[in-house]
Amino acid sequence: MTKRSPEKKIRKAPFVAIFIFLVFGAIGISLGEPSRVLEQATQICLSCIGIG
Protein backbone atom coordinates (compact mmCIF):
# COMPACT_ATOMS: atom_id res chain seq x y z
CA MET A 1 0.00 0.00 0.00
CA THR A 2 1.23 3.44 -0.83
CA LYS A 3 0.50 6.41 1.32
CA ARG A 4 -1.06 9.33 -0.45
CA SER A 5 0.05 12.73 0.65
CA PRO A 6 -2.82 15.11 1.17
CA GLU A 7 -3.26 17.47 -1.73
CA LYS A 8 -2.05 20.94 -0.95
CA LYS A 9 -4.64 23.61 -1.50
CA ILE A 10 -3.54 26.86 -3.06
CA ARG A 11 -4.34 29.73 -0.76
CA LYS A 12 -6.24 32.44 -2.61
CA ALA A 13 -6.03 35.27 -0.06
CA PRO A 14 -2.44 36.33 -0.91
CA PHE A 15 -3.29 36.52 -4.61
CA VAL A 16 -6.41 38.57 -3.92
CA ALA A 17 -4.44 40.95 -1.69
CA ILE A 18 -1.70 41.41 -4.30
CA PHE A 19 -4.32 42.05 -6.98
CA ILE A 20 -6.06 44.68 -4.82
CA PHE A 21 -2.76 46.45 -4.09
CA LEU A 22 -1.89 46.47 -7.80
CA VAL A 23 -5.29 47.96 -8.67
CA PHE A 24 -4.93 50.68 -6.02
CA GLY A 25 -1.37 51.36 -7.19
CA ALA A 26 -2.53 51.77 -10.78
CA ILE A 27 -5.30 54.13 -9.67
CA GLY A 28 -2.83 56.22 -7.68
CA ILE A 29 -0.40 56.42 -10.60
CA SER A 30 -3.18 57.44 -12.98
CA LEU A 31 -4.20 60.25 -10.60
CA GLY A 32 -0.65 61.64 -10.50
CA GLU A 33 0.19 60.74 -6.92
CA PRO A 34 3.91 59.99 -7.48
CA SER A 35 4.63 63.53 -8.68
CA ARG A 36 2.66 64.99 -5.78
CA VAL A 37 4.57 62.88 -3.26
CA LEU A 38 7.93 63.88 -4.76
CA GLU A 39 6.91 67.55 -4.75
CA GLN A 40 5.97 67.40 -1.07
CA ALA A 41 9.16 65.51 -0.21
CA THR A 42 11.25 68.18 -1.92
CA GLN A 43 9.46 70.95 -0.02
CA ILE A 44 9.95 69.17 3.30
CA CYS A 45 13.64 68.53 2.64
CA LEU A 46 14.31 72.11 1.59
CA SER A 47 12.58 73.46 4.68
CA CYS A 48 14.51 71.05 6.92
CA ILE A 49 17.89 72.29 5.72
CA GLY A 50 16.81 75.94 5.86
CA ILE A 51 16.64 76.76 2.15
CA GLY A 52 12.91 76.87 1.60
PDB file of N, CA and C in Angstrom:
ATOM      1  N   MET A   1       0.831  -1.185   0.000  1.00  0.00           N
ATOM      2  CA  MET A   1       0.000   0.000   0.000  1.00  0.00           C
ATOM      3  C   MET A   1       0.874   1.247   0.000  1.00  0.00           C
ATOM      4  N   THR A   2       0.492   2.182  -0.798  1.00  0.00           N
ATOM      5  CA  THR A   2       1.230   3.441  -0.832  1.00  0.00           C
ATOM      6  C   THR A   2       0.428   4.509  -0.106  1.00  0.00           C
ATOM      7  N   LYS A   3       1.157   5.318   0.608  1.00  0.00           N
ATOM      8  CA  LYS A   3       0.500   6.414   1.319  1.00  0.00           C
ATOM      9  C   LYS A   3       0.351   7.593   0.376  1.00  0.00           C
ATOM     10  N   ARG A   4      -0.810   8.149   0.371  1.00  0.00           N
ATOM     11  CA  ARG A   4      -1.055   9.329  -0.453  1.00  0.00           C
ATOM     12  C   ARG A   4      -0.875  10.570   0.403  1.00  0.00           C
ATOM     13  N   SER A   5      -0.094  11.474  -0.086  1.00  0.00           N
ATOM     14  CA  SER A   5       0.054  12.727   0.647  1.00  0.00           C
ATOM     15  C   SER A   5      -1.187  13.582   0.377  1.00  0.00           C
ATOM     16  N   PRO A   6      -1.629  14.276   1.388  1.00  0.00           N
ATOM     17  CA  PRO A   6      -2.817  15.109   1.171  1.00  0.00           C
ATOM     18  C   PRO A   6      -2.500  16.202   0.145  1.00  0.00           C
ATOM     19  N   GLU A   7      -3.458  16.456  -0.704  1.00  0.00           N
ATOM     20  CA  GLU A   7      -3.259  17.474  -1.731  1.00  0.00           C
ATOM     21  C   GLU A   7      -3.181  18.847  -1.072  1.00  0.00           C
ATOM     22  N   LYS A   8      -2.210  19.601  -1.508  1.00  0.00           N
ATOM     23  CA  LYS A   8      -2.051  20.940  -0.951  1.00  0.00           C
ATOM     24  C   LYS A   8      -2.977  21.896  -1.688  1.00  0.00           C
ATOM     25  N   LYS A   9      -3.747  22.630  -0.905  1.00  0.00           N
ATOM     26  CA  LYS A   9      -4.635  23.615  -1.501  1.00  0.00           C
ATOM     27  C   LYS A   9      -3.874  24.915  -1.707  1.00  0.00           C
ATOM     28  N   ILE A  10      -4.149  25.564  -2.793  1.00  0.00           N
ATOM     29  CA  ILE A  10      -3.535  26.858  -3.056  1.00  0.00           C
ATOM     30  C   ILE A  10      -4.354  27.919  -2.330  1.00  0.00           C
ATOM     31  N   ARG A  11      -3.657  28.677  -1.488  1.00  0.00           N
ATOM     32  CA  ARG A  11      -4.344  29.733  -0.757  1.00  0.00           C
ATOM     33  C   ARG A  11      -4.625  30.892  -1.701  1.00  0.00           C
ATOM     34  N   LYS A  12      -5.836  31.379  -1.690  1.00  0.00           N
ATOM     35  CA  LYS A  12      -6.244  32.435  -2.612  1.00  0.00           C
ATOM     36  C   LYS A  12      -6.080  33.832  -2.022  1.00  0.00           C
ATOM     37  N   ALA A  13      -6.082  33.954  -0.709  1.00  0.00           N
ATOM     38  CA  ALA A  13      -6.033  35.265  -0.064  1.00  0.00           C
ATOM     39  C   ALA A  13      -4.801  36.084  -0.465  1.00  0.00           C
ATOM     40  N   PRO A  14      -3.594  35.514  -0.508  1.00  0.00           N
ATOM     41  CA  PRO A  14      -2.440  36.328  -0.914  1.00  0.00           C
ATOM     42  C   PRO A  14      -2.568  36.870  -2.344  1.00  0.00           C
ATOM     43  N   PHE A  15      -3.120  36.073  -3.228  1.00  0.00           N
ATOM     44  CA  PHE A  15      -3.287  36.525  -4.609  1.00  0.00           C
ATOM     45  C   PHE A  15      -4.322  37.638  -4.709  1.00  0.00           C
ATOM     46  N   VAL A  16      -5.380  37.521  -3.933  1.00  0.00           N
ATOM     47  CA  VAL A  16      -6.412  38.565  -3.917  1.00  0.00           C
ATOM     48  C   VAL A  16      -5.824  39.857  -3.365  1.00  0.00           C
ATOM     49  N   ALA A  17      -5.047  39.759  -2.285  1.00  0.00           N
ATOM     50  CA  ALA A  17      -4.438  40.949  -1.687  1.00  0.00           C
ATOM     51  C   ALA A  17      -3.472  41.623  -2.662  1.00  0.00           C
ATOM     52  N   ILE A  18      -2.645  40.839  -3.333  1.00  0.00           N
ATOM     53  CA  ILE A  18      -1.702  41.406  -4.304  1.00  0.00           C
ATOM     54  C   ILE A  18      -2.461  42.086  -5.439  1.00  0.00           C
ATOM     55  N   PHE A  19      -3.528  41.462  -5.906  1.00  0.00           N
ATOM     56  CA  PHE A  19      -4.317  42.050  -6.981  1.00  0.00           C
ATOM     57  C   PHE A  19      -4.925  43.381  -6.550  1.00  0.00           C
ATOM     58  N   ILE A  20      -5.456  43.432  -5.328  1.00  0.00           N
ATOM     59  CA  ILE A  20      -6.062  44.677  -4.824  1.00  0.00           C
ATOM     60  C   ILE A  20      -5.008  45.774  -4.723  1.00  0.00           C
ATOM     61  N   PHE A  21      -3.821  45.447  -4.200  1.00  0.00           N
ATOM     62  CA  PHE A  21      -2.763  46.446  -4.094  1.00  0.00           C
ATOM     63  C   PHE A  21      -2.330  46.936  -5.469  1.00  0.00           C
ATOM     64  N   LEU A  22      -2.268  46.051  -6.449  1.00  0.00           N
ATOM     65  CA  LEU A  22      -1.894  46.472  -7.796  1.00  0.00           C
ATOM     66  C   LEU A  22      -2.938  47.401  -8.403  1.00  0.00           C
ATOM     67  N   VAL A  23      -4.212  47.102  -8.156  1.00  0.00           N
ATOM     68  CA  VAL A  23      -5.288  47.962  -8.665  1.00  0.00           C
ATOM     69  C   VAL A  23      -5.199  49.343  -8.030  1.00  0.00           C
ATOM     70  N   PHE A  24      -5.034  49.384  -6.694  1.00  0.00           N
ATOM     71  CA  PHE A  24      -4.929  50.679  -6.022  1.00  0.00           C
ATOM     72  C   PHE A  24      -3.677  51.433  -6.465  1.00  0.00           C
ATOM     73  N   GLY A  25      -2.585  50.714  -6.694  1.00  0.00           N
ATOM     74  CA  GLY A  25      -1.369  51.356  -7.195  1.00  0.00           C
ATOM     75  C   GLY A  25      -1.573  51.964  -8.566  1.00  0.00           C
ATOM     76  N   ALA A  26      -2.258  51.249  -9.443  1.00  0.00           N
ATOM     77  CA  ALA A  26      -2.533  51.767 -10.783  1.00  0.00           C
ATOM     78  C   ALA A  26      -3.440  52.993 -10.720  1.00  0.00           C
ATOM     79  N   ILE A  27      -4.413  52.967  -9.832  1.00  0.00           N
ATOM     80  CA  ILE A  27      -5.301  54.127  -9.674  1.00  0.00           C
ATOM     81  C   ILE A  27      -4.513  55.336  -9.184  1.00  0.00           C
ATOM     82  N   GLY A  28      -3.641  55.126  -8.206  1.00  0.00           N
ATOM     83  CA  GLY A  28      -2.827  56.225  -7.685  1.00  0.00           C
ATOM     84  C   GLY A  28      -1.909  56.807  -8.741  1.00  0.00           C
ATOM     85  N   ILE A  29      -1.287  55.948  -9.537  1.00  0.00           N
ATOM     86  CA  ILE A  29      -0.405  56.424 -10.599  1.00  0.00           C
ATOM     87  C   ILE A  29      -1.194  57.209 -11.632  1.00  0.00           C
ATOM     88  N   SER A  30      -2.383  56.741 -11.975  1.00  0.00           N
ATOM     89  CA  SER A  30      -3.182  57.439 -12.985  1.00  0.00           C
ATOM     90  C   SER A  30      -3.670  58.796 -12.488  1.00  0.00           C
ATOM     91  N   LEU A  31      -3.767  58.969 -11.162  1.00  0.00           N
ATOM     92  CA  LEU A  31      -4.197  60.250 -10.603  1.00  0.00           C
ATOM     93  C   LEU A  31      -3.030  61.203 -10.337  1.00  0.00           C
ATOM     94  N   GLY A  32      -1.817  60.772 -10.632  1.00  0.00           N
ATOM     95  CA  GLY A  32      -0.650  61.641 -10.502  1.00  0.00           C
ATOM     96  C   GLY A  32      -0.084  61.716  -9.101  1.00  0.00           C
ATOM     97  N   GLU A  33      -0.309  60.720  -8.296  1.00  0.00           N
ATOM     98  CA  GLU A  33       0.195  60.743  -6.923  1.00  0.00           C
ATOM     99  C   GLU A  33       1.719  60.731  -6.816  1.00  0.00           C
ATOM    100  N   PRO A  34       2.451  59.990  -7.650  1.00  0.00           N
ATOM    101  CA  PRO A  34       3.910  59.989  -7.483  1.00  0.00           C
ATOM    102  C   PRO A  34       4.531  61.382  -7.594  1.00  0.00           C
ATOM    103  N   SER A  35       4.069  62.188  -8.544  1.00  0.00           N
ATOM    104  CA  SER A  35       4.634  63.530  -8.685  1.00  0.00           C
ATOM    105  C   SER A  35       4.268  64.400  -7.487  1.00  0.00           C
ATOM    106  N   ARG A  36       3.086  64.224  -6.960  1.00  0.00           N
ATOM    107  CA  ARG A  36       2.664  64.992  -5.782  1.00  0.00           C
ATOM    108  C   ARG A  36       3.508  64.623  -4.567  1.00  0.00           C
ATOM    109  N   VAL A  37       3.763  63.334  -4.391  1.00  0.00           N
ATOM    110  CA  VAL A  37       4.571  62.884  -3.256  1.00  0.00           C
ATOM    111  C   VAL A  37       5.995  63.418  -3.378  1.00  0.00           C
ATOM    112  N   LEU A  38       6.578  63.372  -4.572  1.00  0.00           N
ATOM    113  CA  LEU A  38       7.932  63.884  -4.763  1.00  0.00           C
ATOM    114  C   LEU A  38       7.990  65.386  -4.533  1.00  0.00           C
ATOM    115  N   GLU A  39       6.964  66.098  -4.967  1.00  0.00           N
ATOM    116  CA  GLU A  39       6.911  67.548  -4.752  1.00  0.00           C
ATOM    117  C   GLU A  39       6.868  67.873  -3.263  1.00  0.00           C
ATOM    118  N   GLN A  40       6.055  67.167  -2.508  1.00  0.00           N
ATOM    119  CA  GLN A  40       5.970  67.396  -1.073  1.00  0.00           C
ATOM    120  C   GLN A  40       7.268  67.012  -0.376  1.00  0.00           C
ATOM    121  N   ALA A  41       7.898  65.938  -0.809  1.00  0.00           N
ATOM    122  CA  ALA A  41       9.158  65.508  -0.205  1.00  0.00           C
ATOM    123  C   ALA A  41      10.242  66.555  -0.441  1.00  0.00           C
ATOM    124  N   THR A  42      10.269  67.144  -1.626  1.00  0.00           N
ATOM    125  CA  THR A  42      11.250  68.182  -1.921  1.00  0.00           C
ATOM    126  C   THR A  42      11.022  69.392  -1.038  1.00  0.00           C
ATOM    127  N   GLN A  43       9.782  69.788  -0.858  1.00  0.00           N
ATOM    128  CA  GLN A  43       9.464  70.947  -0.021  1.00  0.00           C
ATOM    129  C   GLN A  43       9.861  70.684   1.422  1.00  0.00           C
ATOM    130  N   ILE A  44       9.602  69.501   1.918  1.00  0.00           N
ATOM    131  CA  ILE A  44       9.954  69.173   3.299  1.00  0.00           C
ATOM    132  C   ILE A  44      11.462  69.185   3.463  1.00  0.00           C
ATOM    133  N   CYS A  45      12.185  68.589   2.536  1.00  0.00           N
ATOM    134  CA  CYS A  45      13.644  68.525   2.642  1.00  0.00           C
ATOM    135  C   CYS A  45      14.259  69.907   2.588  1.00  0.00           C
ATOM    136  N   LEU A  46      13.763  70.762   1.696  1.00  0.00           N
ATOM    137  CA  LEU A  46      14.306  72.110   1.591  1.00  0.00           C
ATOM    138  C   LEU A  46      14.038  72.916   2.848  1.00  0.00           C
ATOM    139  N   SER A  47      12.869  72.734   3.462  1.00  0.00           N
ATOM    140  CA  SER A  47      12.577  73.460   4.684  1.00  0.00           C
ATOM    141  C   SER A  47      13.380  72.910   5.857  1.00  0.00           C
ATOM    142  N   CYS A  48      13.721  71.635   5.837  1.00  0.00           N
ATOM    143  CA  CYS A  48      14.508  71.049   6.924  1.00  0.00           C
ATOM    144  C   CYS A  48      15.943  71.585   6.938  1.00  0.00           C
ATOM    145  N   ILE A  49      16.502  71.819   5.755  1.00  0.00           N
ATOM    146  CA  ILE A  49      17.888  72.290   5.721  1.00  0.00           C
ATOM    147  C   ILE A  49      17.967  73.817   5.683  1.00  0.00           C
ATOM    148  N   GLY A  50      16.826  74.489   5.738  1.00  0.00           N
ATOM    149  CA  GLY A  50      16.810  75.935   5.859  1.00  0.00           C
ATOM    150  C   GLY A  50      16.851  76.705   4.561  1.00  0.00           C
ATOM    151  N   ILE A  51      16.614  76.045   3.435  1.00  0.00           N
ATOM    152  CA  ILE A  51      16.644  76.756   2.150  1.00  0.00           C
ATOM    153  C   ILE A  51      15.263  77.293   1.803  1.00  0.00           C
ATOM    154  N   GLY A  52      14.245  76.497   2.046  1.00  0.00           N
ATOM    155  CA  GLY A  52      12.909  76.873   1.600  1.00  0.00           C
ATOM    156  C   GLY A  52      12.113  77.462   2.655  1.00  0.00           C
TER     157      GLY A  52
END
